[in-house]
Amino acid sequence: MMMVETELRPSGIHGIGVFLLEPVPKGGLIWRFDSRIDRVYSEQEMASLPPIAQHYLRIYSTWHEAARLWVLCGDNGRHFNHASTPNTVSDGIAFGTDIAAFDLPEGAELTSDYATICDHSRLHGLDFERNGARRHVARPSLDQSVFREP
């Protein structure tokens, strides 16, 4: 659940991003998991959905390997874009909190390193689509044998 005021806008990073409507000081709480708004799906529940819904959830959810659960942010939090040097710091996969990595001004686009918030990205690298072309970026800090081919 977002803990600061935000809005969605076109992003220079990818598609739509989430932008601050207020400044946030370094260490300020930006997002935290809250089951009253954020939704959790088991693999079985995911598999029971129509293919189009599964596709949506795989794009906008984070995977928690140990719990074997997909977590969907129920608000603008699902629109954080990836950055290798993000402006937020996450303290856990899917169920943690995100804080400001440094003072963030009003209007800043919120970014996260997907490998720190999603086990699927951490284990398999990152898939991006830009201008209709799909590309795969492996996580170089991990054992390359766990990555699938692009």
N, C-alpha and C. Protein backbone atom coordinates (compact mmCIF):
# COMPACT_ATOMS: atom_id res chain seq x y z
N MET A 1 0.85 -1.16 0.00
CA MET A 1 0.00 0.00 0.00
C MET A 1 0.90 1.24 0.00
N MET A 2 0.62 2.14 -0.92
CA MET A 2 1.38 3.39 -0.98
C MET A 2 1.15 4.18 0.31
N MET A 3 2.23 4.73 0.85
CA MET A 3 2.16 5.51 2.09
C MET A 3 2.37 7.00 1.83
N VAL A 4 2.50 7.36 0.55
CA VAL A 4 2.66 8.75 0.14
C VAL A 4 1.73 9.01 -1.04
N GLU A 5 1.45 10.28 -1.30
CA GLU A 5 0.58 10.64 -2.42
C GLU A 5 1.33 10.51 -3.73
N THR A 6 0.72 9.80 -4.68
CA THR A 6 1.33 9.57 -5.99
C THR A 6 0.28 9.67 -7.08
N GLU A 7 0.76 9.72 -8.32
CA GLU A 7 -0.13 9.62 -9.48
C GLU A 7 0.60 8.88 -10.58
N LEU A 8 -0.17 8.34 -11.51
CA LEU A 8 0.39 7.63 -12.65
C LEU A 8 0.54 8.60 -13.81
N ARG A 9 1.69 8.47 -14.52
CA ARG A 9 1.97 9.29 -15.69
C ARG A 9 2.78 8.45 -16.68
N PRO A 10 2.85 8.88 -17.94
CA PRO A 10 3.77 8.22 -18.87
C PRO A 10 5.19 8.31 -18.32
N SER A 11 5.94 7.22 -18.50
CA SER A 11 7.29 7.14 -17.97
C SER A 11 8.33 7.15 -19.08
N GLY A 12 9.42 7.84 -18.86
CA GLY A 12 10.55 7.78 -19.78
C GLY A 12 11.31 6.48 -19.65
N ILE A 13 11.03 5.71 -18.61
CA ILE A 13 11.70 4.42 -18.40
C ILE A 13 10.96 3.33 -19.18
N HIS A 14 9.64 3.23 -18.93
CA HIS A 14 8.84 2.20 -19.59
C HIS A 14 7.36 2.45 -19.30
N GLY A 15 6.57 2.56 -20.33
CA GLY A 15 5.12 2.63 -20.19
C GLY A 15 4.64 3.69 -19.22
N ILE A 16 4.01 3.22 -18.15
CA ILE A 16 3.46 4.10 -17.12
C ILE A 16 4.32 3.96 -15.87
N GLY A 17 4.53 5.07 -15.18
CA GLY A 17 5.28 5.06 -13.93
C GLY A 17 4.46 5.70 -12.84
N VAL A 18 4.95 5.57 -11.62
CA VAL A 18 4.30 6.18 -10.46
C VAL A 18 5.19 7.34 -9.99
N PHE A 19 4.57 8.51 -9.85
CA PHE A 19 5.29 9.75 -9.57
C PHE A 19 4.81 10.36 -8.26
N LEU A 20 5.75 10.91 -7.50
CA LEU A 20 5.44 11.52 -6.21
C LEU A 20 4.69 12.84 -6.38
N LEU A 21 3.68 13.06 -5.55
CA LEU A 21 2.97 14.33 -5.49
C LEU A 21 3.41 15.13 -4.27
N GLU A 22 4.40 14.61 -3.57
CA GLU A 22 4.94 15.27 -2.38
C GLU A 22 6.40 14.84 -2.23
N PRO A 23 7.25 15.68 -1.64
CA PRO A 23 8.63 15.25 -1.40
C PRO A 23 8.67 14.18 -0.31
N VAL A 24 9.68 13.32 -0.36
CA VAL A 24 9.87 12.28 0.65
C VAL A 24 11.33 12.33 1.09
N PRO A 25 11.57 12.46 2.40
CA PRO A 25 12.96 12.52 2.87
C PRO A 25 13.63 11.15 2.82
N LYS A 26 14.96 11.14 2.76
CA LYS A 26 15.71 9.89 2.80
C LYS A 26 15.23 9.06 3.99
N GLY A 27 14.93 7.79 3.76
CA GLY A 27 14.44 6.90 4.80
C GLY A 27 12.95 6.95 5.02
N GLY A 28 12.26 7.87 4.32
CA GLY A 28 10.81 7.98 4.47
C GLY A 28 10.11 6.77 3.90
N LEU A 29 9.07 6.31 4.58
CA LEU A 29 8.29 5.14 4.15
C LEU A 29 7.47 5.48 2.92
N ILE A 30 7.62 4.69 1.88
CA ILE A 30 6.90 4.92 0.62
C ILE A 30 5.82 3.87 0.39
N TRP A 31 6.15 2.59 0.67
CA TRP A 31 5.21 1.49 0.44
C TRP A 31 5.42 0.44 1.50
N ARG A 32 4.34 -0.23 1.87
CA ARG A 32 4.44 -1.41 2.73
C ARG A 32 3.30 -2.35 2.36
N PHE A 33 3.56 -3.63 2.52
CA PHE A 33 2.52 -4.63 2.25
C PHE A 33 1.40 -4.45 3.26
N ASP A 34 0.17 -4.47 2.77
CA ASP A 34 -1.02 -4.39 3.62
C ASP A 34 -2.10 -5.24 2.96
N SER A 35 -2.44 -6.33 3.60
CA SER A 35 -3.39 -7.28 3.01
C SER A 35 -4.79 -6.70 2.81
N ARG A 36 -5.05 -5.54 3.36
CA ARG A 36 -6.36 -4.91 3.14
C ARG A 36 -6.48 -4.33 1.75
N ILE A 37 -5.34 -4.09 1.09
CA ILE A 37 -5.38 -3.53 -0.27
C ILE A 37 -4.56 -4.35 -1.25
N ASP A 38 -3.48 -4.97 -0.79
CA ASP A 38 -2.63 -5.78 -1.66
C ASP A 38 -3.14 -7.22 -1.66
N ARG A 39 -3.16 -7.85 -2.81
CA ARG A 39 -3.78 -9.17 -3.00
C ARG A 39 -2.71 -10.23 -3.19
N VAL A 40 -2.91 -11.40 -2.60
CA VAL A 40 -1.98 -12.51 -2.68
C VAL A 40 -2.65 -13.66 -3.43
N TYR A 41 -1.89 -14.27 -4.36
CA TYR A 41 -2.39 -15.40 -5.16
C TYR A 41 -1.46 -16.59 -5.02
N SER A 42 -2.03 -17.77 -4.77
CA SER A 42 -1.24 -19.00 -4.81
C SER A 42 -1.05 -19.41 -6.27
N GLU A 43 -0.15 -20.34 -6.51
CA GLU A 43 0.04 -20.83 -7.89
C GLU A 43 -1.24 -21.48 -8.40
N GLN A 44 -1.95 -22.21 -7.53
CA GLN A 44 -3.20 -22.86 -7.93
C GLN A 44 -4.26 -21.83 -8.29
N GLU A 45 -4.35 -20.77 -7.50
CA GLU A 45 -5.32 -19.72 -7.79
C GLU A 45 -4.98 -19.03 -9.10
N MET A 46 -3.69 -18.76 -9.31
CA MET A 46 -3.23 -18.14 -10.56
C MET A 46 -3.62 -19.03 -11.74
N ALA A 47 -3.36 -20.33 -11.63
CA ALA A 47 -3.64 -21.27 -12.72
C ALA A 47 -5.14 -21.37 -13.03
N SER A 48 -5.99 -21.07 -12.06
CA SER A 48 -7.44 -21.18 -12.27
C SER A 48 -8.02 -19.98 -13.02
N LEU A 49 -7.23 -18.95 -13.20
CA LEU A 49 -7.71 -17.74 -13.87
C LEU A 49 -7.59 -17.86 -15.39
N PRO A 50 -8.36 -17.09 -16.13
CA PRO A 50 -8.22 -17.07 -17.60
C PRO A 50 -6.80 -16.63 -17.98
N PRO A 51 -6.29 -17.09 -19.12
CA PRO A 51 -4.93 -16.74 -19.54
C PRO A 51 -4.64 -15.23 -19.54
N ILE A 52 -5.60 -14.41 -19.94
CA ILE A 52 -5.36 -12.96 -19.97
C ILE A 52 -5.13 -12.42 -18.55
N ALA A 53 -5.85 -12.95 -17.57
CA ALA A 53 -5.66 -12.53 -16.18
C ALA A 53 -4.31 -13.01 -15.65
N GLN A 54 -3.92 -14.23 -16.01
CA GLN A 54 -2.61 -14.74 -15.60
C GLN A 54 -1.50 -13.87 -16.16
N HIS A 55 -1.62 -13.49 -17.42
CA HIS A 55 -0.62 -12.62 -18.06
C HIS A 55 -0.52 -11.29 -17.30
N TYR A 56 -1.64 -10.68 -17.00
CA TYR A 56 -1.67 -9.43 -16.25
C TYR A 56 -0.96 -9.59 -14.90
N LEU A 57 -1.31 -10.64 -14.17
CA LEU A 57 -0.73 -10.83 -12.84
C LEU A 57 0.77 -11.10 -12.90
N ARG A 58 1.23 -11.80 -13.92
CA ARG A 58 2.68 -12.05 -14.04
C ARG A 58 3.45 -10.76 -14.36
N ILE A 59 2.80 -9.81 -15.02
CA ILE A 59 3.44 -8.53 -15.30
C ILE A 59 3.48 -7.65 -14.05
N TYR A 60 2.37 -7.57 -13.33
CA TYR A 60 2.24 -6.60 -12.25
C TYR A 60 2.44 -7.15 -10.84
N SER A 61 2.63 -8.44 -10.69
CA SER A 61 2.82 -9.03 -9.37
C SER A 61 4.29 -9.32 -9.12
N THR A 62 4.62 -9.52 -7.85
CA THR A 62 5.95 -9.98 -7.48
C THR A 62 5.82 -11.41 -6.95
N TRP A 63 6.84 -12.21 -7.17
CA TRP A 63 6.84 -13.61 -6.77
C TRP A 63 7.68 -13.78 -5.51
N HIS A 64 7.10 -14.44 -4.50
CA HIS A 64 7.81 -14.76 -3.26
C HIS A 64 8.06 -16.26 -3.27
N GLU A 65 9.29 -16.65 -3.58
CA GLU A 65 9.64 -18.06 -3.78
C GLU A 65 9.37 -18.91 -2.54
N ALA A 66 9.82 -18.47 -1.37
CA ALA A 66 9.67 -19.28 -0.15
C ALA A 66 8.20 -19.52 0.20
N ALA A 67 7.37 -18.51 0.03
CA ALA A 67 5.94 -18.64 0.34
C ALA A 67 5.16 -19.23 -0.83
N ARG A 68 5.79 -19.27 -2.02
CA ARG A 68 5.14 -19.75 -3.24
C ARG A 68 3.86 -18.95 -3.51
N LEU A 69 4.00 -17.61 -3.44
CA LEU A 69 2.86 -16.71 -3.62
C LEU A 69 3.21 -15.57 -4.56
N TRP A 70 2.22 -15.13 -5.32
CA TRP A 70 2.30 -13.92 -6.13
C TRP A 70 1.62 -12.81 -5.35
N VAL A 71 2.22 -11.62 -5.30
CA VAL A 71 1.67 -10.48 -4.56
C VAL A 71 1.42 -9.35 -5.55
N LEU A 72 0.17 -8.90 -5.61
CA LEU A 72 -0.23 -7.80 -6.48
C LEU A 72 -0.51 -6.57 -5.63
N CYS A 73 0.21 -5.50 -5.88
CA CYS A 73 -0.08 -4.22 -5.21
C CYS A 73 -1.46 -3.76 -5.66
N GLY A 74 -2.29 -3.38 -4.73
CA GLY A 74 -3.65 -2.98 -5.06
C GLY A 74 -3.81 -1.51 -5.42
N ASP A 75 -2.70 -0.79 -5.51
CA ASP A 75 -2.77 0.63 -5.83
C ASP A 75 -1.64 0.99 -6.79
N ASN A 76 -1.20 2.24 -6.80
CA ASN A 76 -0.16 2.67 -7.74
C ASN A 76 1.17 1.95 -7.57
N GLY A 77 1.37 1.27 -6.48
CA GLY A 77 2.62 0.55 -6.24
C GLY A 77 2.97 -0.45 -7.33
N ARG A 78 1.99 -0.94 -8.05
CA ARG A 78 2.28 -1.92 -9.11
C ARG A 78 2.98 -1.28 -10.30
N HIS A 79 3.08 0.06 -10.31
CA HIS A 79 3.68 0.75 -11.45
C HIS A 79 5.09 1.27 -11.19
N PHE A 80 5.75 0.82 -10.11
CA PHE A 80 7.17 1.14 -9.94
C PHE A 80 7.89 0.57 -11.14
N ASN A 81 8.74 1.34 -11.77
CA ASN A 81 9.56 0.81 -12.87
C ASN A 81 10.92 0.40 -12.32
N HIS A 82 11.59 -0.47 -13.08
CA HIS A 82 12.90 -0.98 -12.67
C HIS A 82 14.00 0.03 -12.96
N ALA A 83 14.97 0.07 -12.05
CA ALA A 83 16.21 0.82 -12.27
C ALA A 83 17.33 0.05 -11.58
N SER A 84 18.48 -0.05 -12.23
CA SER A 84 19.60 -0.74 -11.60
C SER A 84 20.16 0.07 -10.43
N THR A 85 19.92 1.38 -10.42
CA THR A 85 20.23 2.23 -9.27
C THR A 85 18.93 2.92 -8.87
N PRO A 86 18.07 2.21 -8.14
CA PRO A 86 16.73 2.72 -7.82
C PRO A 86 16.77 3.84 -6.78
N ASN A 87 15.67 4.59 -6.72
CA ASN A 87 15.58 5.64 -5.71
C ASN A 87 14.81 5.19 -4.47
N THR A 88 14.44 3.90 -4.43
CA THR A 88 13.85 3.31 -3.23
C THR A 88 14.67 2.10 -2.83
N VAL A 89 14.58 1.74 -1.55
CA VAL A 89 15.26 0.57 -1.02
C VAL A 89 14.19 -0.33 -0.42
N SER A 90 14.21 -1.60 -0.81
CA SER A 90 13.25 -2.58 -0.31
C SER A 90 13.92 -3.46 0.72
N ASP A 91 13.19 -3.78 1.78
CA ASP A 91 13.77 -4.63 2.81
C ASP A 91 13.26 -6.06 2.74
N GLY A 92 12.61 -6.43 1.64
CA GLY A 92 12.14 -7.79 1.53
C GLY A 92 11.44 -8.05 0.22
N ILE A 93 11.30 -9.32 -0.08
CA ILE A 93 10.60 -9.77 -1.28
C ILE A 93 9.10 -9.73 -1.01
N ALA A 94 8.38 -8.92 -1.75
CA ALA A 94 6.92 -8.85 -1.78
C ALA A 94 6.24 -8.37 -0.49
N PHE A 95 6.67 -8.81 0.68
CA PHE A 95 5.97 -8.51 1.92
C PHE A 95 6.68 -7.47 2.78
N GLY A 96 7.69 -6.80 2.27
CA GLY A 96 8.46 -5.87 3.07
C GLY A 96 7.96 -4.45 2.97
N THR A 97 8.90 -3.52 3.07
CA THR A 97 8.61 -2.10 2.93
C THR A 97 9.59 -1.51 1.93
N ASP A 98 9.22 -0.36 1.39
CA ASP A 98 10.10 0.41 0.51
C ASP A 98 10.27 1.79 1.13
N ILE A 99 11.52 2.24 1.22
CA ILE A 99 11.80 3.56 1.75
C ILE A 99 12.60 4.35 0.71
N ALA A 100 12.64 5.65 0.88
CA ALA A 100 13.41 6.52 -0.02
C ALA A 100 14.90 6.29 0.19
N ALA A 101 15.63 6.06 -0.89
CA ALA A 101 17.07 5.84 -0.82
C ALA A 101 17.81 7.14 -0.52
N PHE A 102 17.20 8.25 -0.89
CA PHE A 102 17.74 9.59 -0.65
C PHE A 102 16.56 10.55 -0.72
N ASP A 103 16.78 11.81 -0.42
CA ASP A 103 15.68 12.79 -0.50
C ASP A 103 15.10 12.79 -1.90
N LEU A 104 13.78 12.61 -2.00
CA LEU A 104 13.10 12.57 -3.29
C LEU A 104 12.19 13.79 -3.42
N PRO A 105 12.32 14.53 -4.51
CA PRO A 105 11.48 15.72 -4.70
C PRO A 105 10.10 15.35 -5.23
N GLU A 106 9.17 16.23 -5.04
CA GLU A 106 7.86 16.08 -5.68
C GLU A 106 8.09 15.93 -7.18
N GLY A 107 7.36 15.02 -7.81
CA GLY A 107 7.49 14.80 -9.25
C GLY A 107 8.45 13.69 -9.62
N ALA A 108 9.22 13.17 -8.66
CA ALA A 108 10.16 12.08 -8.96
C ALA A 108 9.40 10.80 -9.30
N GLU A 109 9.89 10.08 -10.32
CA GLU A 109 9.33 8.76 -10.62
C GLU A 109 9.96 7.75 -9.67
N LEU A 110 9.12 6.94 -9.02
CA LEU A 110 9.62 5.93 -8.09
C LEU A 110 10.15 4.72 -8.85
N THR A 111 11.33 4.27 -8.46
CA THR A 111 11.95 3.12 -9.11
C THR A 111 12.43 2.13 -8.05
N SER A 112 12.53 0.89 -8.48
CA SER A 112 12.96 -0.20 -7.62
C SER A 112 13.83 -1.15 -8.44
N ASP A 113 14.74 -1.84 -7.78
CA ASP A 113 15.49 -2.91 -8.44
C ASP A 113 14.64 -4.16 -8.32
N TYR A 114 14.06 -4.61 -9.43
CA TYR A 114 13.13 -5.73 -9.39
C TYR A 114 13.73 -6.98 -8.76
N ALA A 115 15.03 -7.16 -8.84
CA ALA A 115 15.66 -8.34 -8.25
C ALA A 115 15.61 -8.31 -6.72
N THR A 116 15.40 -7.14 -6.12
CA THR A 116 15.30 -7.07 -4.67
C THR A 116 13.86 -7.19 -4.18
N ILE A 117 12.89 -7.10 -5.08
CA ILE A 117 11.49 -7.18 -4.65
C ILE A 117 10.76 -8.40 -5.21
N CYS A 118 11.39 -9.13 -6.14
CA CYS A 118 10.70 -10.24 -6.80
C CYS A 118 11.67 -11.38 -7.04
N ASP A 119 11.40 -12.54 -6.44
CA ASP A 119 12.28 -13.70 -6.62
C ASP A 119 12.34 -14.15 -8.07
N HIS A 120 11.27 -14.00 -8.82
CA HIS A 120 11.30 -14.41 -10.23
C HIS A 120 12.34 -13.60 -10.99
N SER A 121 12.37 -12.29 -10.78
CA SER A 121 13.37 -11.44 -11.44
C SER A 121 14.77 -11.75 -10.93
N ARG A 122 14.89 -12.01 -9.64
CA ARG A 122 16.20 -12.32 -9.05
C ARG A 122 16.75 -13.63 -9.62
N LEU A 123 15.90 -14.61 -9.78
CA LEU A 123 16.33 -15.93 -10.24
C LEU A 123 16.46 -16.06 -11.75
N HIS A 124 15.65 -15.30 -12.49
CA HIS A 124 15.58 -15.49 -13.94
C HIS A 124 16.02 -14.28 -14.76
N GLY A 125 16.42 -13.22 -14.13
CA GLY A 125 16.76 -12.01 -14.87
C GLY A 125 15.51 -11.20 -15.14
N LEU A 126 15.66 -10.16 -15.92
CA LEU A 126 14.57 -9.23 -16.17
C LEU A 126 14.18 -9.25 -17.63
N ASP A 127 12.89 -9.31 -17.88
CA ASP A 127 12.37 -9.23 -19.24
C ASP A 127 11.72 -7.88 -19.43
N PHE A 128 12.04 -7.20 -20.52
CA PHE A 128 11.46 -5.90 -20.83
C PHE A 128 10.94 -5.92 -22.25
N GLU A 129 9.88 -5.17 -22.48
CA GLU A 129 9.42 -4.91 -23.84
C GLU A 129 9.51 -3.43 -24.08
N ARG A 130 10.14 -3.04 -25.18
CA ARG A 130 10.23 -1.63 -25.54
C ARG A 130 10.03 -1.54 -27.04
N ASN A 131 9.08 -0.72 -27.44
CA ASN A 131 8.76 -0.54 -28.86
C ASN A 131 8.49 -1.87 -29.55
N GLY A 132 7.79 -2.76 -28.86
CA GLY A 132 7.41 -4.03 -29.44
C GLY A 132 8.51 -5.08 -29.44
N ALA A 133 9.73 -4.74 -29.04
CA ALA A 133 10.84 -5.70 -29.01
C ALA A 133 11.06 -6.18 -27.59
N ARG A 134 11.20 -7.47 -27.42
CA ARG A 134 11.43 -8.05 -26.10
C ARG A 134 12.92 -8.26 -25.91
N ARG A 135 13.42 -7.88 -24.74
CA ARG A 135 14.83 -8.13 -24.45
C ARG A 135 14.95 -8.69 -23.04
N HIS A 136 16.01 -9.42 -22.79
CA HIS A 136 16.24 -10.07 -21.51
C HIS A 136 17.56 -9.56 -20.94
N VAL A 137 17.54 -9.17 -19.68
CA VAL A 137 18.75 -8.70 -19.02
C VAL A 137 19.01 -9.63 -17.84
N ALA A 138 20.09 -10.37 -17.90
CA ALA A 138 20.44 -11.27 -16.80
C ALA A 138 21.00 -10.48 -15.63
N ARG A 139 20.84 -11.01 -14.44
CA ARG A 139 21.37 -10.39 -13.24
C ARG A 139 22.83 -10.84 -13.09
N PRO A 140 23.81 -10.00 -13.39
CA PRO A 140 25.21 -10.42 -13.40
C PRO A 140 25.75 -10.80 -12.04
N SER A 141 25.12 -10.40 -10.95
CA SER A 141 25.64 -10.73 -9.64
C SER A 141 25.27 -12.15 -9.22
N LEU A 142 24.45 -12.82 -10.00
CA LEU A 142 24.03 -14.18 -9.67
C LEU A 142 24.70 -15.19 -10.57
N ASP A 143 24.64 -16.45 -10.18
CA ASP A 143 25.14 -17.55 -10.98
C ASP A 143 24.39 -17.56 -12.31
N GLN A 144 25.09 -17.39 -13.42
CA GLN A 144 24.44 -17.27 -14.73
C GLN A 144 23.69 -18.54 -15.14
N SER A 145 23.96 -19.68 -14.52
CA SER A 145 23.30 -20.90 -14.92
C SER A 145 21.81 -20.90 -14.60
N VAL A 146 21.34 -20.00 -13.73
CA VAL A 146 19.92 -19.98 -13.40
C VAL A 146 19.10 -19.18 -14.39
N PHE A 147 19.73 -18.50 -15.33
CA PHE A 147 18.98 -17.65 -16.25
C PHE A 147 18.50 -18.42 -17.47
N ARG A 148 17.30 -18.11 -17.90
CA ARG A 148 16.81 -18.68 -19.15
C ARG A 148 17.34 -17.85 -20.30
N GLU A 149 17.38 -18.43 -21.44
CA GLU A 149 17.86 -17.71 -22.63
C GLU A 149 16.82 -16.69 -23.06
N PRO A 150 17.25 -15.54 -23.57
CA PRO A 150 16.31 -14.53 -24.05
C PRO A 150 15.53 -15.02 -25.25
